[in-house]
């Protein structure tokens, strides 16, 4: 039987916090483990490897998934940035990515992904709010 990835309780609770910040506005979410670096530089950088785009999502659960996915060099805390979609669209071309990602033969992850093929600068101009998870001791 083919099915969508099942989110953890932590991911669902974290997503609920982000959804609350959005308060029924047209938003895009960005889940990250690099909150302090992003805030300090005020930029969402495109990756140097892979697709050269800033990845955002319409789903707070997807943002929570990425925010809670630990990495070797992260800052020890997952965060979800909540952006005003209309504000971003006034400055950047946003492209919808219709592909789903297959994790196995039967499990897929529809990331409700939208991409910006440019660095997103002056993020404060588009930012509605940020929710952060607990600090993880490294």
Protein backbone atom coordinates (compact mmCIF):
# COMPACT_ATOMS: atom_id res chain seq x y z
CA UNK A 1 0.00 0.00 0.00
CA UNK A 2 1.37 3.40 -1.01
CA UNK A 3 1.25 6.09 1.67
CA UNK A 4 2.59 9.50 2.67
CA UNK A 5 5.32 9.74 5.30
CA UNK A 6 3.91 9.82 8.83
CA UNK A 7 5.00 12.82 10.86
CA UNK A 8 6.10 12.38 14.46
CA UNK A 9 4.24 13.91 17.38
CA UNK A 10 7.10 16.40 17.82
CA UNK A 11 6.85 17.44 14.16
CA UNK A 12 3.07 17.88 14.39
CA UNK A 13 3.31 19.94 17.60
CA UNK A 14 6.07 22.11 16.14
CA UNK A 15 4.01 22.61 12.96
CA UNK A 16 1.04 23.71 15.07
CA UNK A 17 3.18 26.48 16.61
CA UNK A 18 4.19 27.68 13.14
CA UNK A 19 0.59 27.52 11.90
CA UNK A 20 -0.45 29.65 14.89
CA UNK A 21 2.11 32.31 13.93
CA UNK A 22 0.76 32.31 10.37
CA UNK A 23 -2.77 33.11 11.60
CA UNK A 24 -4.57 32.21 8.37
CA UNK A 25 -2.27 34.33 6.20
CA UNK A 26 -0.81 33.25 2.87
CA UNK A 27 2.61 32.11 4.05
CA UNK A 28 5.60 30.00 3.16
CA UNK A 29 7.60 28.16 5.81
CA UNK A 30 11.32 27.43 5.96
CA UNK A 31 12.55 24.78 8.39
CA UNK A 32 16.19 25.10 9.41
CA UNK A 33 18.83 24.21 11.99
CA UNK A 34 20.72 27.48 11.30
CA UNK A 35 18.47 30.15 12.83
CA UNK A 36 21.21 32.34 14.31
CA UNK A 37 23.29 32.37 11.13
CA UNK A 38 20.27 33.28 9.00
CA UNK A 39 19.24 36.08 11.36
CA UNK A 40 22.78 37.45 11.60
CA UNK A 41 23.27 37.57 7.82
CA UNK A 42 19.60 38.31 6.95
CA UNK A 43 19.93 35.97 3.96
CA UNK A 44 18.58 32.58 2.91
CA UNK A 45 21.38 31.19 0.75
CA UNK A 46 20.97 28.74 -2.11
CA UNK A 47 22.91 25.50 -1.63
CA UNK A 48 26.25 25.11 -3.39
CA UNK A 49 25.43 21.50 -4.25
CA UNK A 50 22.27 20.25 -5.93
CA UNK A 51 19.42 22.48 -7.07
CA UNK A 52 20.51 26.13 -6.66
CA UNK A 53 17.32 27.34 -5.01
CA UNK A 54 16.01 28.46 -1.64
CA UNK A 55 13.45 25.85 -0.62
CA UNK A 56 10.22 26.86 1.09
CA UNK A 57 7.02 24.97 1.74
CA UNK A 58 3.31 25.61 2.15
CA UNK A 59 3.25 22.89 4.83
CA UNK A 60 4.30 23.62 8.41
CA UNK A 61 4.70 19.85 8.94
CA UNK A 62 7.32 19.72 6.18
CA UNK A 63 9.11 22.72 7.69
CA UNK A 64 9.05 20.99 11.09
CA UNK A 65 10.43 17.81 9.52
CA UNK A 66 13.45 19.71 8.16
CA UNK A 67 13.86 21.84 11.29
CA UNK A 68 14.04 18.77 13.51
CA UNK A 69 16.38 16.79 11.23
CA UNK A 70 19.74 16.98 13.05
CA UNK A 71 22.92 17.64 11.10
CA UNK A 72 26.57 17.31 12.06
CA UNK A 73 27.26 21.05 11.89
CA UNK A 74 23.96 22.57 13.01
CA UNK A 75 23.33 25.11 15.78
CA UNK A 76 21.57 22.62 18.05
CA UNK A 77 18.04 23.95 17.63
CA UNK A 78 15.41 23.61 14.95
CA UNK A 79 13.45 26.67 13.86
CA UNK A 80 10.70 27.47 11.42
CA UNK A 81 10.69 30.83 9.68
CA UNK A 82 7.24 32.01 8.61
CA UNK A 83 7.30 34.30 5.57
CA UNK A 84 4.60 36.40 3.94
CA UNK A 85 4.21 34.75 0.54
CA UNK A 86 2.84 37.84 -1.18
CA UNK A 87 5.75 39.94 0.05
CA UNK A 88 8.25 37.37 -1.23
CA UNK A 89 6.42 37.13 -4.56
CA UNK A 90 6.64 40.91 -5.01
CA UNK A 91 10.45 40.64 -4.95
CA UNK A 92 11.22 37.10 -6.19
CA UNK A 93 9.87 34.65 -8.72
CA UNK A 94 8.50 31.70 -6.75
CA UNK A 95 8.24 28.39 -8.58
CA UNK A 96 6.09 25.51 -7.42
CA UNK A 97 7.76 22.08 -7.43
CA UNK A 98 5.10 19.41 -8.10
CA UNK A 99 7.43 16.43 -7.52
CA UNK A 100 7.01 14.11 -4.57
CA UNK A 101 10.04 12.40 -3.05
CA UNK A 102 9.95 8.63 -2.74
CA UNK A 103 11.55 7.38 0.46
CA UNK A 104 10.86 3.74 -0.46
CA UNK A 105 8.75 1.79 -2.94
CA UNK A 106 5.65 2.50 -0.85
CA UNK A 107 6.36 5.72 1.10
CA UNK A 108 6.50 9.21 -0.39
CA UNK A 109 6.94 12.72 0.97
CA UNK A 110 4.96 15.50 -0.71
CA UNK A 111 6.86 18.54 0.45
CA UNK A 112 4.43 21.16 -0.96
CA UNK A 113 7.64 22.79 -2.06
CA UNK A 114 8.15 26.19 -3.62
CA UNK A 115 11.52 27.40 -4.82
CA UNK A 116 13.23 30.73 -5.30
CA UNK A 117 16.24 30.55 -7.63
CA UNK A 118 18.00 33.47 -6.00
CA UNK A 119 19.41 34.35 -2.59
CA UNK A 120 16.62 35.76 -0.42
CA UNK A 121 18.04 38.92 1.11
CA UNK A 122 16.71 41.28 3.78
CA UNK A 123 14.56 38.45 5.12
CA UNK A 124 13.17 40.74 7.79
CA UNK A 125 11.17 42.53 5.07
CA UNK A 126 9.20 39.30 4.49
CA UNK A 127 9.30 37.65 7.91
CA UNK A 128 6.10 37.23 9.91
CA UNK A 129 7.66 35.25 12.75
CA UNK A 130 9.89 32.42 13.91
CA UNK A 131 9.22 29.45 16.14
CA UNK A 132 12.09 27.52 17.68
CA UNK A 133 12.35 24.12 19.24
CA UNK A 134 14.20 23.25 22.41
CA UNK A 135 17.98 23.56 22.55
CA UNK A 136 19.72 20.25 22.09
CA UNK A 137 22.95 19.74 24.03
CA UNK A 138 25.78 18.83 21.67
